[in-house]
Amino acid sequence: MSAIRRAVFLDRDGTLNVKAPDGEYITSPAGLRLLPGAADAVRQLNEAGLFVAVVTNQRGIARGLLSLHAHAQIMTRLAVLLAQHGAHVDAAYACPHDTGTCDCRKPAPGLLLRAAGEHPDLDLRQSVIVGDAESDVEAGLRAGTWTIRLSAIPVGSRADHVARDLPAAASLVIGAQDSHGRDRLARVS
């Protein structure tokens, strides 16, 4: 029997890479640019032995603005950019549906629950979701994970913690593990 693992679920747009302007979507690999420090943060999570998964809403697929093939090419570019910094993601999950048509579009917890179903060694209660939107936080709360909301400015959030960017969130997650790998990440009251 394998040991229980902690996962770090990362939103993609606005967390790992520069988000497209409101109402627009990243529709080609060339449009994907990593945020400063994001690849190094993922590498640090990898080095800490954490399972790293991308969980992303991609409504542009449902709207016909990009194909599943184009989305796969964008995710391949993400993998290449991360690898250039010695980082990787262990899994990626995307919701291609429009709002209100499925149980996987965040704020629903379906992507996180799917990951846990496919990787039974993951403990959602010891895992964390990191994202730049309150829908990421809500998905984590519904799945029973810890939550970190990214925001460079003070923001009201139901998240357990708020961090300015992914490197700060990664430091928080890694710092929460004691020398025996046990989680010490405490919820903010």
C-alpha atoms as a PDB file:
ATOM      1  CA  MET A   1       0.000   0.000   0.000  1.00  0.00           C
ATOM      2  CA  SER A   2       1.392   3.391  -0.945  1.00  0.00           C
ATOM      3  CA  ALA A   3       1.788   6.293   1.453  1.00  0.00           C
ATOM      4  CA  ILE A   4      -0.767   9.067   1.586  1.00  0.00           C
ATOM      5  CA  ARG A   5       0.329  12.083  -0.465  1.00  0.00           C
ATOM      6  CA  ARG A   6      -0.523  15.751  -0.364  1.00  0.00           C
ATOM      7  CA  ALA A   7      -1.506  17.453  -3.581  1.00  0.00           C
ATOM      8  CA  VAL A   8      -1.147  21.052  -4.629  1.00  0.00           C
ATOM      9  CA  PHE A   9      -3.852  21.878  -7.151  1.00  0.00           C
ATOM     10  CA  LEU A  10      -2.931  24.898  -9.248  1.00  0.00           C
ATOM     11  CA  ASP A  11      -5.268  26.991 -11.320  1.00  0.00           C
ATOM     12  CA  ARG A  12      -3.637  27.780 -14.662  1.00  0.00           C
ATOM     13  CA  ASP A  13      -4.574  31.224 -16.007  1.00  0.00           C
ATOM     14  CA  GLY A  14      -3.609  33.942 -13.538  1.00  0.00           C
ATOM     15  CA  THR A  15      -1.757  31.495 -11.282  1.00  0.00           C
ATOM     16  CA  LEU A  16       0.872  29.856 -13.501  1.00  0.00           C
ATOM     17  CA  ASN A  17       0.626  32.046 -16.570  1.00  0.00           C
ATOM     18  CA  VAL A  18      -0.432  35.535 -17.568  1.00  0.00           C
ATOM     19  CA  LYS A  19      -4.213  35.634 -17.793  1.00  0.00           C
ATOM     20  CA  ALA A  20      -5.861  36.793 -21.013  1.00  0.00           C
ATOM     21  CA  PRO A  21      -7.837  40.057 -20.742  1.00  0.00           C
ATOM     22  CA  ASP A  22     -11.423  39.716 -19.452  1.00  0.00           C
ATOM     23  CA  GLY A  23     -13.646  38.049 -22.033  1.00  0.00           C
ATOM     24  CA  GLU A  24     -10.675  36.669 -23.967  1.00  0.00           C
ATOM     25  CA  TYR A  25      -8.946  33.284 -23.878  1.00  0.00           C
ATOM     26  CA  ILE A  26      -5.514  31.841 -24.505  1.00  0.00           C
ATOM     27  CA  THR A  27      -6.175  30.100 -27.804  1.00  0.00           C
ATOM     28  CA  SER A  28      -2.700  29.121 -28.997  1.00  0.00           C
ATOM     29  CA  PRO A  29       0.566  27.933 -27.451  1.00  0.00           C
ATOM     30  CA  ALA A  30       2.223  31.258 -28.334  1.00  0.00           C
ATOM     31  CA  GLY A  31      -0.289  33.026 -26.087  1.00  0.00           C
ATOM     32  CA  LEU A  32       0.897  31.208 -22.958  1.00  0.00           C
ATOM     33  CA  ARG A  33       3.506  33.156 -20.946  1.00  0.00           C
ATOM     34  CA  LEU A  34       4.520  32.078 -17.446  1.00  0.00           C
ATOM     35  CA  LEU A  35       4.187  34.516 -14.587  1.00  0.00           C
ATOM     36  CA  PRO A  36       7.466  35.564 -12.945  1.00  0.00           C
ATOM     37  CA  GLY A  37       8.674  32.933 -10.490  1.00  0.00           C
ATOM     38  CA  ALA A  38       5.903  30.443 -11.335  1.00  0.00           C
ATOM     39  CA  ALA A  39       8.179  27.748 -12.765  1.00  0.00           C
ATOM     40  CA  ASP A  40      10.593  27.981  -9.853  1.00  0.00           C
ATOM     41  CA  ALA A  41       7.660  27.730  -7.426  1.00  0.00           C
ATOM     42  CA  VAL A  42       6.444  24.554  -9.139  1.00  0.00           C
ATOM     43  CA  ARG A  43       9.987  23.127  -9.021  1.00  0.00           C
ATOM     44  CA  GLN A  44      10.117  23.805  -5.271  1.00  0.00           C
ATOM     45  CA  LEU A  45       6.780  22.012  -4.818  1.00  0.00           C
ATOM     46  CA  ASN A  46       8.163  19.077  -6.859  1.00  0.00           C
ATOM     47  CA  GLU A  47      11.320  18.989  -4.742  1.00  0.00           C
ATOM     48  CA  ALA A  48       9.195  18.943  -1.575  1.00  0.00           C
ATOM     49  CA  GLY A  49       7.638  15.685  -2.819  1.00  0.00           C
ATOM     50  CA  LEU A  50       4.172  17.135  -3.391  1.00  0.00           C
ATOM     51  CA  PHE A  51       1.833  15.927  -6.140  1.00  0.00           C
ATOM     52  CA  VAL A  52       1.265  18.951  -8.401  1.00  0.00           C
ATOM     53  CA  ALA A  53      -1.822  19.085 -10.609  1.00  0.00           C
ATOM     54  CA  VAL A  54      -3.276  21.802 -12.813  1.00  0.00           C
ATOM     55  CA  VAL A  55      -7.045  22.286 -12.517  1.00  0.00           C
ATOM     56  CA  THR A  56      -8.375  24.750 -15.062  1.00  0.00           C
ATOM     57  CA  ASN A  57     -11.700  25.969 -16.418  1.00  0.00           C
ATOM     58  CA  GLN A  58     -11.514  26.278 -20.204  1.00  0.00           C
ATOM     59  CA  ARG A  59     -14.907  27.602 -21.260  1.00  0.00           C
ATOM     60  CA  GLY A  60     -13.367  28.800 -24.534  1.00  0.00           C
ATOM     61  CA  ILE A  61     -13.598  25.190 -25.725  1.00  0.00           C
ATOM     62  CA  ALA A  62     -17.379  25.120 -25.173  1.00  0.00           C
ATOM     63  CA  ARG A  63     -17.670  28.476 -26.918  1.00  0.00           C
ATOM     64  CA  GLY A  64     -15.778  27.197 -29.963  1.00  0.00           C
ATOM     65  CA  LEU A  65     -12.882  29.606 -29.484  1.00  0.00           C
ATOM     66  CA  LEU A  66     -10.331  26.801 -29.225  1.00  0.00           C
ATOM     67  CA  SER A  67     -10.382  23.086 -29.870  1.00  0.00           C
ATOM     68  CA  LEU A  68      -9.433  20.268 -27.541  1.00  0.00           C
ATOM     69  CA  HIS A  69      -6.359  19.820 -29.745  1.00  0.00           C
ATOM     70  CA  ALA A  70      -5.359  23.477 -29.310  1.00  0.00           C
ATOM     71  CA  HIS A  71      -5.858  23.144 -25.561  1.00  0.00           C
ATOM     72  CA  ALA A  72      -3.585  20.078 -25.547  1.00  0.00           C
ATOM     73  CA  GLN A  73      -0.937  22.045 -27.465  1.00  0.00           C
ATOM     74  CA  ILE A  74      -1.161  24.874 -24.913  1.00  0.00           C
ATOM     75  CA  MET A  75      -0.710  22.377 -22.077  1.00  0.00           C
ATOM     76  CA  THR A  76       2.304  20.908 -23.904  1.00  0.00           C
ATOM     77  CA  ARG A  77       3.811  24.394 -24.093  1.00  0.00           C
ATOM     78  CA  LEU A  78       3.196  24.790 -20.353  1.00  0.00           C
ATOM     79  CA  ALA A  79       5.045  21.510 -19.733  1.00  0.00           C
ATOM     80  CA  VAL A  80       7.966  22.632 -21.912  1.00  0.00           C
ATOM     81  CA  LEU A  81       8.236  26.016 -20.180  1.00  0.00           C
ATOM     82  CA  LEU A  82       8.153  24.379 -16.747  1.00  0.00           C
ATOM     83  CA  ALA A  83      10.734  21.762 -17.778  1.00  0.00           C
ATOM     84  CA  GLN A  84      13.130  24.539 -18.778  1.00  0.00           C
ATOM     85  CA  HIS A  85      13.234  25.365 -15.052  1.00  0.00           C
ATOM     86  CA  GLY A  86      13.406  21.751 -13.845  1.00  0.00           C
ATOM     87  CA  ALA A  87       9.701  21.707 -12.936  1.00  0.00           C
ATOM     88  CA  HIS A  88       6.759  19.529 -13.919  1.00  0.00           C
ATOM     89  CA  VAL A  89       3.122  18.860 -13.172  1.00  0.00           C
ATOM     90  CA  ASP A  90       2.058  15.339 -12.288  1.00  0.00           C
ATOM     91  CA  ALA A  91      -1.422  15.668 -13.793  1.00  0.00           C
ATOM     92  CA  ALA A  92      -3.675  18.194 -15.489  1.00  0.00           C
ATOM     93  CA  TYR A  93      -7.455  18.415 -15.481  1.00  0.00           C
ATOM     94  CA  ALA A  94      -9.543  20.804 -17.544  1.00  0.00           C
ATOM     95  CA  CYS A  95     -13.232  21.586 -17.644  1.00  0.00           C
ATOM     96  CA  PRO A  96     -14.202  22.287 -21.278  1.00  0.00           C
ATOM     97  CA  HIS A  97     -17.832  23.085 -20.426  1.00  0.00           C
ATOM     98  CA  ASP A  98     -19.831  26.295 -20.200  1.00  0.00           C
ATOM     99  CA  THR A  99     -21.208  27.621 -16.942  1.00  0.00           C
ATOM    100  CA  GLY A 100     -23.933  25.529 -15.300  1.00  0.00           C
ATOM    101  CA  THR A 101     -23.621  22.467 -17.535  1.00  0.00           C
ATOM    102  CA  CYS A 102     -21.415  20.130 -15.500  1.00  0.00           C
ATOM    103  CA  ASP A 103     -20.033  19.265 -12.080  1.00  0.00           C
ATOM    104  CA  CYS A 104     -16.390  19.884 -13.001  1.00  0.00           C
ATOM    105  CA  ARG A 105     -16.375  23.626 -13.708  1.00  0.00           C
ATOM    106  CA  LYS A 106     -14.979  25.460 -10.695  1.00  0.00           C
ATOM    107  CA  PRO A 107     -16.462  26.448  -8.263  1.00  0.00           C
ATOM    108  CA  ALA A 108     -17.737  22.844  -8.429  1.00  0.00           C
ATOM    109  CA  PRO A 109     -15.210  20.388  -6.969  1.00  0.00           C
ATOM    110  CA  GLY A 110     -15.335  17.860  -9.831  1.00  0.00           C
ATOM    111  CA  LEU A 111     -11.773  18.346 -11.104  1.00  0.00           C
ATOM    112  CA  LEU A 112     -10.305  17.836  -7.634  1.00  0.00           C
ATOM    113  CA  LEU A 113     -12.546  14.848  -6.932  1.00  0.00           C
ATOM    114  CA  ARG A 114     -11.570  13.324 -10.275  1.00  0.00           C
ATOM    115  CA  ALA A 115      -7.880  13.702  -9.411  1.00  0.00           C
ATOM    116  CA  ALA A 116      -8.459  12.029  -6.039  1.00  0.00           C
ATOM    117  CA  GLY A 117     -10.362   9.204  -7.735  1.00  0.00           C
ATOM    118  CA  GLU A 118      -7.569   8.618 -10.244  1.00  0.00           C
ATOM    119  CA  HIS A 119      -4.864   8.878  -7.570  1.00  0.00           C
ATOM    120  CA  PRO A 120      -6.248   7.139  -4.453  1.00  0.00           C
ATOM    121  CA  ASP A 121      -3.062   7.876  -2.505  1.00  0.00           C
ATOM    122  CA  LEU A 122      -3.996  11.584  -2.431  1.00  0.00           C
ATOM    123  CA  ASP A 123      -5.574  12.933   0.734  1.00  0.00           C
ATOM    124  CA  LEU A 124      -7.745  15.925  -0.124  1.00  0.00           C
ATOM    125  CA  ARG A 125      -7.885  16.959   3.544  1.00  0.00           C
ATOM    126  CA  GLN A 126      -4.102  17.376   3.496  1.00  0.00           C
ATOM    127  CA  SER A 127      -4.058  18.997   0.049  1.00  0.00           C
ATOM    128  CA  VAL A 128      -4.367  22.617  -1.044  1.00  0.00           C
ATOM    129  CA  ILE A 129      -5.725  24.494  -4.045  1.00  0.00           C
ATOM    130  CA  VAL A 130      -4.028  27.704  -5.170  1.00  0.00           C
ATOM    131  CA  GLY A 131      -5.798  30.093  -7.495  1.00  0.00           C
ATOM    132  CA  ASP A 132      -6.444  33.712  -8.335  1.00  0.00           C
ATOM    133  CA  ALA A 133     -10.254  33.558  -8.201  1.00  0.00           C
ATOM    134  CA  GLU A 134     -12.850  32.935  -5.551  1.00  0.00           C
ATOM    135  CA  SER A 135     -14.166  30.065  -7.717  1.00  0.00           C
ATOM    136  CA  ASP A 136     -10.866  28.256  -7.070  1.00  0.00           C
ATOM    137  CA  VAL A 137     -11.323  28.790  -3.341  1.00  0.00           C
ATOM    138  CA  GLU A 138     -14.908  27.530  -3.445  1.00  0.00           C
ATOM    139  CA  ALA A 139     -13.888  24.391  -5.367  1.00  0.00           C
ATOM    140  CA  GLY A 140     -11.285  23.655  -2.700  1.00  0.00           C
ATOM    141  CA  LEU A 141     -13.710  24.246   0.146  1.00  0.00           C
ATOM    142  CA  ARG A 142     -16.267  21.917  -1.464  1.00  0.00           C
ATOM    143  CA  ALA A 143     -13.605  19.219  -1.989  1.00  0.00           C
ATOM    144  CA  GLY A 144     -12.293  19.573   1.569  1.00  0.00           C
ATOM    145  CA  THR A 145      -8.847  20.975   0.730  1.00  0.00           C
ATOM    146  CA  TRP A 146      -6.978  23.900   2.195  1.00  0.00           C
ATOM    147  CA  THR A 147      -7.249  27.027   0.079  1.00  0.00           C
ATOM    148  CA  ILE A 148      -4.877  29.814  -0.930  1.00  0.00           C
ATOM    149  CA  ARG A 149      -6.129  32.793  -2.931  1.00  0.00           C
ATOM    150  CA  LEU A 150      -3.591  34.753  -4.933  1.00  0.00           C
ATOM    151  CA  SER A 151      -3.890  38.519  -4.901  1.00  0.00           C
ATOM    152  CA  ALA A 152      -1.278  41.269  -5.049  1.00  0.00           C
ATOM    153  CA  ILE A 153      -3.691  43.585  -3.215  1.00  0.00           C
ATOM    154  CA  PRO A 154      -5.799  42.979  -0.097  1.00  0.00           C
ATOM    155  CA  VAL A 155      -8.931  41.084  -1.047  1.00  0.00           C
ATOM    156  CA  GLY A 156     -11.880  39.668   0.847  1.00  0.00           C
ATOM    157  CA  SER A 157     -11.872  35.906   0.468  1.00  0.00           C
ATOM    158  CA  ARG A 158     -13.149  32.731   2.072  1.00  0.00           C
ATOM    159  CA  ALA A 159      -9.671  31.256   1.518  1.00  0.00           C
ATOM    160  CA  ASP A 160      -7.673  29.884   4.404  1.00  0.00           C
ATOM    161  CA  HIS A 161      -4.775  32.079   3.298  1.00  0.00           C
ATOM    162  CA  VAL A 162      -4.084  34.873   0.810  1.00  0.00           C
ATOM    163  CA  ALA A 163      -0.679  35.106  -0.892  1.00  0.00           C
ATOM    164  CA  ARG A 164       0.626  37.742  -3.288  1.00  0.00           C
ATOM    165  CA  ASP A 165       1.749  35.221  -5.952  1.00  0.00           C
ATOM    166  CA  LEU A 166       2.558  31.574  -6.590  1.00  0.00           C
ATOM    167  CA  PRO A 167       6.097  31.758  -5.150  1.00  0.00           C
ATOM    168  CA  ALA A 168       4.676  33.113  -1.863  1.00  0.00           C
ATOM    169  CA  ALA A 169       1.989  30.407  -1.854  1.00  0.00           C
ATOM    170  CA  ALA A 170       4.574  27.687  -2.513  1.00  0.00           C
ATOM    171  CA  SER A 171       6.675  28.945   0.403  1.00  0.00           C
ATOM    172  CA  LEU A 172       3.606  28.831   2.620  1.00  0.00           C
ATOM    173  CA  VAL A 173       2.745  25.267   1.563  1.00  0.00           C
ATOM    174  CA  ILE A 174       6.309  23.978   1.862  1.00  0.00           C
ATOM    175  CA  GLY A 175       6.827  25.756   5.180  1.00  0.00           C
ATOM    176  CA  ALA A 176       3.718  24.060   6.529  1.00  0.00           C
ATOM    177  CA  GLN A 177       5.353  20.613   6.329  1.00  0.00           C
ATOM    178  CA  ASP A 178       7.339  19.629   9.380  1.00  0.00           C
ATOM    179  CA  SER A 179      10.512  17.554   9.214  1.00  0.00           C
ATOM    180  CA  HIS A 180       8.406  14.373   9.084  1.00  0.00           C
ATOM    181  CA  GLY A 181       6.344  15.626   6.126  1.00  0.00           C
ATOM    182  CA  ARG A 182       3.239  16.182   8.256  1.00  0.00           C
ATOM    183  CA  ASP A 183       1.033  19.110   7.363  1.00  0.00           C
ATOM    184  CA  ARG A 184       1.001  22.064   9.727  1.00  0.00           C
ATOM    185  CA  LEU A 185      -0.919  24.443   7.447  1.00  0.00           C
ATOM    186  CA  ALA A 186      -3.468  26.058   9.756  1.00  0.00           C
ATOM    187  CA  ARG A 187      -6.688  27.604   8.601  1.00  0.00           C
ATOM    188  CA  VAL A 188      -6.993  31.350   9.084  1.00  0.00           C
ATOM    189  CA  SER A 189      -9.801  32.195  11.498  1.00  0.00           C
END
